[in-house]
Amino acid sequence: MAVDRIYTVRRDGERLDKIARAELGRERGGTFEAILDLNPGLAALGDTPPPGTKIRLPARPSGTPVTAVPRIWGEPA
């Protein structure tokens, strides 16, 4: 499986399933497993990897709609 991009954990408490949903549109249907396959040792960090952890992400599954996350304040970084 090819790496599409790298995600860096920004803060304490970011859960892998939430990262998968935000970055790939879903965490089921093999998406979560694909992340673990691309990142040997990631599962050993638990479901909330420490800030600074780099996570290789697969391509967004086909047929997965891209949804915008509403911003509460400020401009996108």
C-alpha atoms as a PDB file:
ATOM      1  CA  MET A   1       0.000   0.000   0.000  1.00  0.00           C
ATOM      2  CA  ALA A   2       1.346   3.417  -0.933  1.00  0.00           C
ATOM      3  CA  VAL A   3       1.686   6.356   1.437  1.00  0.00           C
ATOM      4  CA  ASP A   4      -0.401   9.333   0.323  1.00  0.00           C
ATOM      5  CA  ARG A   5       0.748  11.832   2.956  1.00  0.00           C
ATOM      6  CA  ILE A   6       2.111  12.186   6.494  1.00  0.00           C
ATOM      7  CA  TYR A   7       0.015  13.394   9.435  1.00  0.00           C
ATOM      8  CA  THR A   8       1.710  14.784  12.549  1.00  0.00           C
ATOM      9  CA  VAL A   9      -0.089  14.442  15.887  1.00  0.00           C
ATOM     10  CA  ARG A  10      -0.431  17.990  17.215  1.00  0.00           C
ATOM     11  CA  ARG A  11      -1.720  17.600  20.768  1.00  0.00           C
ATOM     12  CA  ASP A  12      -2.312  15.123  23.588  1.00  0.00           C
ATOM     13  CA  GLY A  13      -5.436  13.027  23.299  1.00  0.00           C
ATOM     14  CA  GLU A  14      -5.709  12.798  19.497  1.00  0.00           C
ATOM     15  CA  ARG A  15      -7.191   9.343  18.919  1.00  0.00           C
ATOM     16  CA  LEU A  16      -6.279   7.243  15.896  1.00  0.00           C
ATOM     17  CA  ASP A  17      -9.913   6.608  14.982  1.00  0.00           C
ATOM     18  CA  LYS A  18     -10.643  10.353  15.011  1.00  0.00           C
ATOM     19  CA  ILE A  19      -7.556  11.046  12.898  1.00  0.00           C
ATOM     20  CA  ALA A  20      -8.692   8.409  10.387  1.00  0.00           C
ATOM     21  CA  ARG A  21     -12.175   9.930  10.195  1.00  0.00           C
ATOM     22  CA  ALA A  22     -10.896  13.501   9.843  1.00  0.00           C
ATOM     23  CA  GLU A  23      -8.155  12.732   7.331  1.00  0.00           C
ATOM     24  CA  LEU A  24      -9.640   9.834   5.361  1.00  0.00           C
ATOM     25  CA  GLY A  25     -13.389  10.245   5.794  1.00  0.00           C
ATOM     26  CA  ARG A  26     -13.913   7.068   7.813  1.00  0.00           C
ATOM     27  CA  GLU A  27     -12.250   4.728  10.258  1.00  0.00           C
ATOM     28  CA  ARG A  28     -13.955   1.487   9.220  1.00  0.00           C
ATOM     29  CA  GLY A  29     -13.892  -0.737   6.180  1.00  0.00           C
ATOM     30  CA  GLY A  30     -10.175  -1.450   6.446  1.00  0.00           C
ATOM     31  CA  THR A  31      -9.095   2.185   6.736  1.00  0.00           C
ATOM     32  CA  PHE A  32      -7.870   1.908  10.327  1.00  0.00           C
ATOM     33  CA  GLU A  33      -6.086  -1.362   9.529  1.00  0.00           C
ATOM     34  CA  ALA A  34      -4.406   0.250   6.499  1.00  0.00           C
ATOM     35  CA  ILE A  35      -3.003   2.980   8.755  1.00  0.00           C
ATOM     36  CA  LEU A  36      -1.610   0.369  11.143  1.00  0.00           C
ATOM     37  CA  ASP A  37      -0.106  -1.586   8.223  1.00  0.00           C
ATOM     38  CA  LEU A  38       1.695   1.536   6.975  1.00  0.00           C
ATOM     39  CA  ASN A  39       2.997   2.380  10.447  1.00  0.00           C
ATOM     40  CA  PRO A  40       4.779  -0.533  12.135  1.00  0.00           C
ATOM     41  CA  GLY A  41       4.918   0.067  15.882  1.00  0.00           C
ATOM     42  CA  LEU A  42       2.052   2.580  15.897  1.00  0.00           C
ATOM     43  CA  ALA A  43      -0.306   0.158  17.657  1.00  0.00           C
ATOM     44  CA  ALA A  44       2.192  -0.136  20.509  1.00  0.00           C
ATOM     45  CA  LEU A  45       1.702   3.585  21.241  1.00  0.00           C
ATOM     46  CA  GLY A  46      -1.954   2.990  22.088  1.00  0.00           C
ATOM     47  CA  ASP A  47      -4.992   4.766  20.704  1.00  0.00           C
ATOM     48  CA  THR A  48      -3.618   8.241  21.554  1.00  0.00           C
ATOM     49  CA  PRO A  49      -0.083   8.598  20.177  1.00  0.00           C
ATOM     50  CA  PRO A  50       2.044  11.367  21.709  1.00  0.00           C
ATOM     51  CA  PRO A  51       2.347  14.778  20.051  1.00  0.00           C
ATOM     52  CA  GLY A  52       4.941  14.844  17.305  1.00  0.00           C
ATOM     53  CA  THR A  53       4.193  11.284  16.157  1.00  0.00           C
ATOM     54  CA  LYS A  54       4.304  11.076  12.357  1.00  0.00           C
ATOM     55  CA  ILE A  55       1.604   8.841  10.866  1.00  0.00           C
ATOM     56  CA  ARG A  56       1.756   7.669   7.256  1.00  0.00           C
ATOM     57  CA  LEU A  57      -1.695   7.793   5.697  1.00  0.00           C
ATOM     58  CA  PRO A  58      -3.019   5.816   2.736  1.00  0.00           C
ATOM     59  CA  ALA A  59      -4.985   7.441  -0.053  1.00  0.00           C
ATOM     60  CA  ARG A  60      -8.566   8.380   0.757  1.00  0.00           C
ATOM     61  CA  PRO A  61     -10.820   5.398  -0.039  1.00  0.00           C
ATOM     62  CA  SER A  62     -12.674   5.840  -3.329  1.00  0.00           C
ATOM     63  CA  GLY A  63     -16.276   6.870  -2.938  1.00  0.00           C
ATOM     64  CA  THR A  64     -15.581   8.590   0.377  1.00  0.00           C
ATOM     65  CA  PRO A  65     -16.990  12.111   0.304  1.00  0.00           C
ATOM     66  CA  VAL A  66     -14.782  14.927   1.492  1.00  0.00           C
ATOM     67  CA  THR A  67     -16.573  16.785   4.257  1.00  0.00           C
ATOM     68  CA  ALA A  68     -15.539  20.154   5.581  1.00  0.00           C
ATOM     69  CA  VAL A  69     -15.011  20.469   9.310  1.00  0.00           C
ATOM     70  CA  PRO A  70     -16.738  23.592  10.604  1.00  0.00           C
ATOM     71  CA  ARG A  71     -14.405  26.114  12.216  1.00  0.00           C
ATOM     72  CA  ILE A  72     -15.476  27.686  15.464  1.00  0.00           C
ATOM     73  CA  TRP A  73     -12.991  30.548  15.349  1.00  0.00           C
ATOM     74  CA  GLY A  74     -10.013  31.851  13.412  1.00  0.00           C
ATOM     75  CA  GLU A  75      -8.697  31.249   9.963  1.00  0.00           C
ATOM     76  CA  PRO A  76      -7.359  27.899   8.736  1.00  0.00           C
ATOM     77  CA  ALA A  77      -3.676  27.401   9.447  1.00  0.00           C
END
